Amino acid sequence: MRKETIVENLNAVGVRIVTCCNNCGRNPSEITLLAVSKTRPAQDLRIAYSAGQRHFGENYLQEALEKQDALSDLDIHWHFIGPLQSNKSRAVAERFQWIHTVDRLKIAQRLSSQRPGYMAPLNICLQVNIDGEQSKSGIAPQDLVALAREVVKMPGLRLRGLMAIPTVRRDACGQRKPFIELAALLQSLCRQFPDQTLDTLSIGMSRDMEAAIACGATVVRIGTDIFGGRNYSDE
């Protein structure tokens, strides 16, 4: 994609975030824009970085590692936001600052044990299957506290909050419902684990970002509206 287009798109998303925050009484500084860069070449990330973008989210591990090598001269905050197989956990533990998709005790245990001791604990979000869809990853809401109770004991991890990918809904009211439910789950965790810094709601994408921000999102995961439609032909 042309450099000018990526920069223009980033600016447009920034305006949307500011406008939404103004409309719902929030401070735009509370929102982290996570550029979802899966399937995008490293050069596109470099362009976005030159325009001020620092947080990038990757879904596919091997692709992400190749980009990290190509962009090692940049101070990028790397977020892993895809499903993680247990046999690939070491690379995430060693190469990322964040993972948003922890939903099993085994994965959490591996990430903690494989996090290098010289690095800060890995920031994690627990992924919640907020709509109970069988086709989606995520822990059931009723099992969340039990998993959180184990995760907060792990020295290599820092539990930061929750993530969800709700069912696509077109109307604003429908979009807000699962976000409100997830925000309530996070507030419940805050009460039960008052010594933890549970400050992250990773919700909202290009189509429902405004609804997510209005419901308390602190991280919005935006791909299409920054980099355009994706090409999956090589996968």
Protein backbone atom coordinates (compact mmCIF):
# COMPACT_ATOMS: atom_id res chain seq x y z
CA MET A 1 0.00 0.00 0.00
CA ARG A 2 1.17 3.53 -0.72
CA LYS A 3 2.82 5.36 2.15
CA GLU A 4 0.40 8.26 1.84
CA THR A 5 -2.60 5.95 2.16
CA ILE A 6 -1.37 4.27 5.35
CA VAL A 7 -0.56 7.63 6.93
CA GLU A 8 -3.94 9.07 5.92
CA ASN A 9 -5.73 6.01 7.27
CA LEU A 10 -3.89 6.21 10.59
CA ASN A 11 -4.81 9.86 10.91
CA ALA A 12 -8.45 9.08 10.11
CA VAL A 13 -8.59 6.34 12.77
CA GLY A 14 -7.02 8.75 15.25
CA VAL A 15 -9.73 11.31 14.51
CA ARG A 16 -12.40 8.64 15.05
CA ILE A 17 -10.91 7.75 18.43
CA VAL A 18 -10.77 11.39 19.55
CA THR A 19 -14.29 12.08 18.33
CA CYS A 20 -15.70 9.02 20.05
CA CYS A 21 -13.91 9.85 23.31
CA ASN A 22 -15.25 13.40 23.20
CA ASN A 23 -18.77 12.08 22.63
CA CYS A 24 -18.66 9.64 25.57
CA GLY A 25 -16.62 11.71 28.01
CA ARG A 26 -13.37 9.77 27.87
CA ASN A 27 -9.78 10.92 27.47
CA PRO A 28 -8.23 9.75 24.17
CA SER A 29 -4.99 9.06 26.03
CA GLU A 30 -6.76 6.10 27.67
CA ILE A 31 -6.98 4.32 24.31
CA THR A 32 -4.13 2.34 22.76
CA LEU A 33 -4.43 1.88 19.01
CA LEU A 34 -3.18 -1.59 18.13
CA ALA A 35 -2.46 -1.83 14.39
CA VAL A 36 -3.37 -5.36 13.28
CA SER A 37 -0.73 -6.11 10.69
CA LYS A 38 -1.25 -9.78 9.83
CA THR A 39 -0.52 -10.61 6.17
CA ARG A 40 1.05 -7.17 5.70
CA PRO A 41 4.65 -6.79 4.55
CA ALA A 42 7.21 -5.39 6.94
CA GLN A 43 7.47 -2.25 4.83
CA ASP A 44 3.85 -1.35 5.61
CA LEU A 45 4.63 -1.57 9.33
CA ARG A 46 7.69 0.60 8.83
CA ILE A 47 5.54 3.23 7.15
CA ALA A 48 3.03 3.16 10.01
CA TYR A 49 5.88 3.39 12.53
CA SER A 50 7.24 6.46 10.74
CA ALA A 51 3.80 8.04 11.22
CA GLY A 52 3.94 7.46 14.98
CA GLN A 53 2.35 4.01 15.38
CA ARG A 54 4.14 1.87 17.99
CA HIS A 55 1.85 -1.04 18.87
CA PHE A 56 1.39 -3.82 16.30
CA GLY A 57 -0.67 -7.00 16.59
CA GLU A 58 0.19 -10.23 14.79
CA ASN A 59 -1.88 -13.41 14.45
CA TYR A 60 0.53 -15.80 12.74
CA LEU A 61 3.68 -16.62 14.64
CA GLN A 62 6.14 -17.44 11.86
CA GLU A 63 5.09 -14.39 9.87
CA ALA A 64 5.45 -12.23 12.98
CA LEU A 65 8.95 -13.51 13.75
CA GLU A 66 10.09 -12.69 10.22
CA LYS A 67 8.76 -9.15 10.57
CA GLN A 68 10.41 -8.75 13.96
CA ASP A 69 13.75 -9.65 12.40
CA ALA A 70 13.19 -7.28 9.48
CA LEU A 71 12.18 -4.43 11.81
CA SER A 72 14.62 -5.05 14.65
CA ASP A 73 15.91 -1.48 14.35
CA LEU A 74 12.52 -0.11 15.44
CA ASP A 75 11.19 0.16 18.99
CA ILE A 76 7.95 -1.70 18.32
CA HIS A 77 5.63 -3.07 21.00
CA TRP A 78 4.67 -6.51 19.69
CA HIS A 79 1.31 -8.02 20.62
CA PHE A 80 0.36 -11.61 19.78
CA ILE A 81 -3.38 -11.71 19.11
CA GLY A 82 -3.90 -15.08 17.42
CA PRO A 83 -4.61 -18.58 18.75
CA LEU A 84 -1.48 -20.10 20.25
CA GLN A 85 -0.51 -23.76 20.10
CA SER A 86 1.39 -24.99 23.12
CA ASN A 87 4.36 -26.14 21.02
CA LYS A 88 4.85 -22.55 19.80
CA SER A 89 4.61 -20.79 23.15
CA ARG A 90 8.35 -20.32 23.65
CA ALA A 91 8.71 -17.88 20.75
CA VAL A 92 5.85 -15.75 22.08
CA ALA A 93 7.34 -15.83 25.58
CA GLU A 94 10.71 -14.70 24.25
CA ARG A 95 9.77 -12.25 21.51
CA PHE A 96 6.56 -10.42 22.46
CA GLN A 97 5.55 -7.87 25.08
CA TRP A 98 1.86 -8.82 25.06
CA ILE A 99 -0.40 -11.77 24.31
CA HIS A 100 -4.17 -11.24 24.20
CA THR A 101 -5.38 -14.82 23.68
CA VAL A 102 -4.62 -16.86 26.81
CA ASP A 103 -7.58 -19.12 27.57
CA ARG A 104 -6.01 -22.28 29.02
CA LEU A 105 -3.98 -23.00 32.12
CA LYS A 106 -1.45 -25.07 30.14
CA ILE A 107 -0.64 -22.16 27.82
CA ALA A 108 -0.26 -19.78 30.75
CA GLN A 109 2.07 -22.20 32.55
CA ARG A 110 4.26 -22.63 29.49
CA LEU A 111 4.46 -18.90 28.81
CA SER A 112 5.43 -18.19 32.40
CA SER A 113 8.13 -20.86 32.57
CA GLN A 114 9.54 -19.89 29.16
CA ARG A 115 9.67 -16.13 29.76
CA PRO A 116 13.37 -15.21 30.09
CA GLY A 117 14.29 -14.04 33.56
CA TYR A 118 15.98 -10.89 32.27
CA MET A 119 12.75 -9.71 30.65
CA ALA A 120 9.80 -8.04 32.33
CA PRO A 121 6.81 -10.34 32.87
CA LEU A 122 4.76 -10.96 29.76
CA ASN A 123 1.59 -8.84 29.73
CA ILE A 124 -1.41 -11.06 29.11
CA CYS A 125 -5.12 -10.74 28.53
CA LEU A 126 -7.44 -13.66 29.11
CA GLN A 127 -9.61 -14.29 26.07
CA VAL A 128 -13.27 -14.73 26.95
CA ASN A 129 -15.77 -16.45 24.66
CA ILE A 130 -18.36 -13.87 25.59
CA ASP A 131 -21.05 -15.19 23.22
CA GLY A 132 -20.45 -18.89 23.85
CA GLU A 133 -19.70 -19.63 20.21
CA GLN A 134 -18.36 -23.14 19.66
CA SER A 135 -16.31 -21.97 16.68
CA LYS A 136 -14.35 -19.40 18.70
CA SER A 137 -11.53 -19.65 21.20
CA GLY A 138 -11.86 -18.27 24.68
CA ILE A 139 -12.69 -19.32 28.20
CA ALA A 140 -16.29 -19.41 29.37
CA PRO A 141 -17.18 -16.49 31.66
CA GLN A 142 -18.02 -18.81 34.54
CA ASP A 143 -14.50 -20.32 34.41
CA LEU A 144 -12.67 -17.00 34.27
CA VAL A 145 -11.98 -16.46 37.98
CA ALA A 146 -10.46 -19.92 38.41
CA LEU A 147 -8.01 -19.32 35.57
CA ALA A 148 -7.17 -15.80 36.78
CA ARG A 149 -6.49 -17.15 40.26
CA GLU A 150 -3.78 -19.41 38.85
CA VAL A 151 -2.32 -16.87 36.41
CA VAL A 152 -1.69 -14.19 39.04
CA LYS A 153 0.63 -16.63 40.86
CA MET A 154 2.90 -17.09 37.82
CA PRO A 155 6.15 -15.10 38.02
CA GLY A 156 6.66 -14.80 34.27
CA LEU A 157 3.26 -13.27 33.58
CA ARG A 158 1.44 -10.07 34.41
CA LEU A 159 -2.32 -10.32 34.13
CA ARG A 160 -3.56 -7.07 32.61
CA GLY A 161 -7.16 -7.69 31.60
CA LEU A 162 -9.56 -9.31 29.17
CA MET A 163 -10.02 -9.70 25.44
CA ALA A 164 -12.96 -10.85 23.34
CA ILE A 165 -14.04 -11.17 19.72
CA PRO A 166 -17.85 -10.96 19.88
CA THR A 167 -20.28 -12.10 17.23
CA VAL A 168 -20.61 -9.55 14.43
CA ARG A 169 -23.58 -7.26 15.06
CA ARG A 170 -24.58 -4.39 12.82
CA ASP A 171 -26.62 -2.23 15.18
CA ALA A 172 -24.97 -0.12 17.88
CA CYS A 173 -27.09 -1.56 20.68
CA GLY A 174 -26.21 -5.11 19.69
CA GLN A 175 -22.52 -4.23 19.45
CA ARG A 176 -22.47 -2.80 22.96
CA LYS A 177 -24.08 -5.74 24.73
CA PRO A 178 -21.06 -8.11 24.79
CA PHE A 179 -18.69 -5.22 25.47
CA ILE A 180 -20.73 -4.21 28.52
CA GLU A 181 -20.71 -7.82 29.72
CA LEU A 182 -16.93 -8.07 29.32
CA ALA A 183 -16.39 -4.76 31.12
CA ALA A 184 -18.49 -6.10 34.01
CA LEU A 185 -16.34 -9.24 34.14
CA LEU A 186 -13.22 -7.10 34.34
CA GLN A 187 -14.68 -5.03 37.17
CA SER A 188 -15.50 -8.24 39.02
CA LEU A 189 -11.90 -9.42 38.61
CA CYS A 190 -10.65 -6.07 39.92
CA ARG A 191 -12.68 -6.55 43.09
CA GLN A 192 -11.46 -10.11 43.58
CA PHE A 193 -7.80 -9.35 42.84
CA PRO A 194 -7.30 -5.83 44.22
CA ASP A 195 -3.51 -6.19 44.25
CA GLN A 196 -3.37 -6.67 40.47
CA THR A 197 -3.24 -3.91 37.84
CA LEU A 198 -6.20 -5.03 35.76
CA ASP A 199 -6.47 -2.06 33.43
CA THR A 200 -6.96 -3.53 29.96
CA LEU A 201 -10.05 -4.23 27.87
CA SER A 202 -8.92 -5.39 24.42
CA ILE A 203 -12.12 -5.02 22.42
CA GLY A 204 -13.26 -3.29 19.27
CA MET A 205 -12.18 -3.56 15.64
CA SER A 206 -12.71 -1.48 12.53
CA ARG A 207 -16.46 -2.12 12.37
CA ASP A 208 -17.33 -1.61 16.06
CA MET A 209 -14.57 0.54 17.51
CA GLU A 210 -16.89 3.34 18.62
CA ALA A 211 -19.17 0.97 20.52
CA ALA A 212 -16.16 -0.60 22.22
CA ILE A 213 -14.71 2.74 23.33
CA ALA A 214 -18.07 3.83 24.69
CA CYS A 215 -18.13 0.64 26.79
CA GLY A 216 -14.64 1.02 28.24
CA ALA A 217 -12.16 -0.33 25.69
CA THR A 218 -8.55 0.54 26.40
CA VAL A 219 -7.09 -1.30 23.39
CA VAL A 220 -8.76 -1.24 19.97
CA ARG A 221 -7.48 -3.67 17.36
CA ILE A 222 -7.67 -2.01 13.95
CA GLY A 223 -6.44 -3.63 10.74
CA THR A 224 -8.61 -3.02 7.69
CA ASP A 225 -9.13 0.68 8.33
CA ILE A 226 -5.36 1.19 8.51
CA PHE A 227 -3.95 -1.24 5.95
CA GLY A 228 -6.99 -1.94 3.77
CA GLY A 229 -8.48 -5.32 2.93
CA ARG A 230 -6.18 -8.30 3.45
CA ASN A 231 -4.85 -10.77 0.91
CA TYR A 232 -5.04 -14.36 2.20
CA SER A 233 -4.15 -16.01 -1.10
CA ASP A 234 -0.70 -17.09 0.09
CA GLU A 235 -1.83 -18.75 3.30
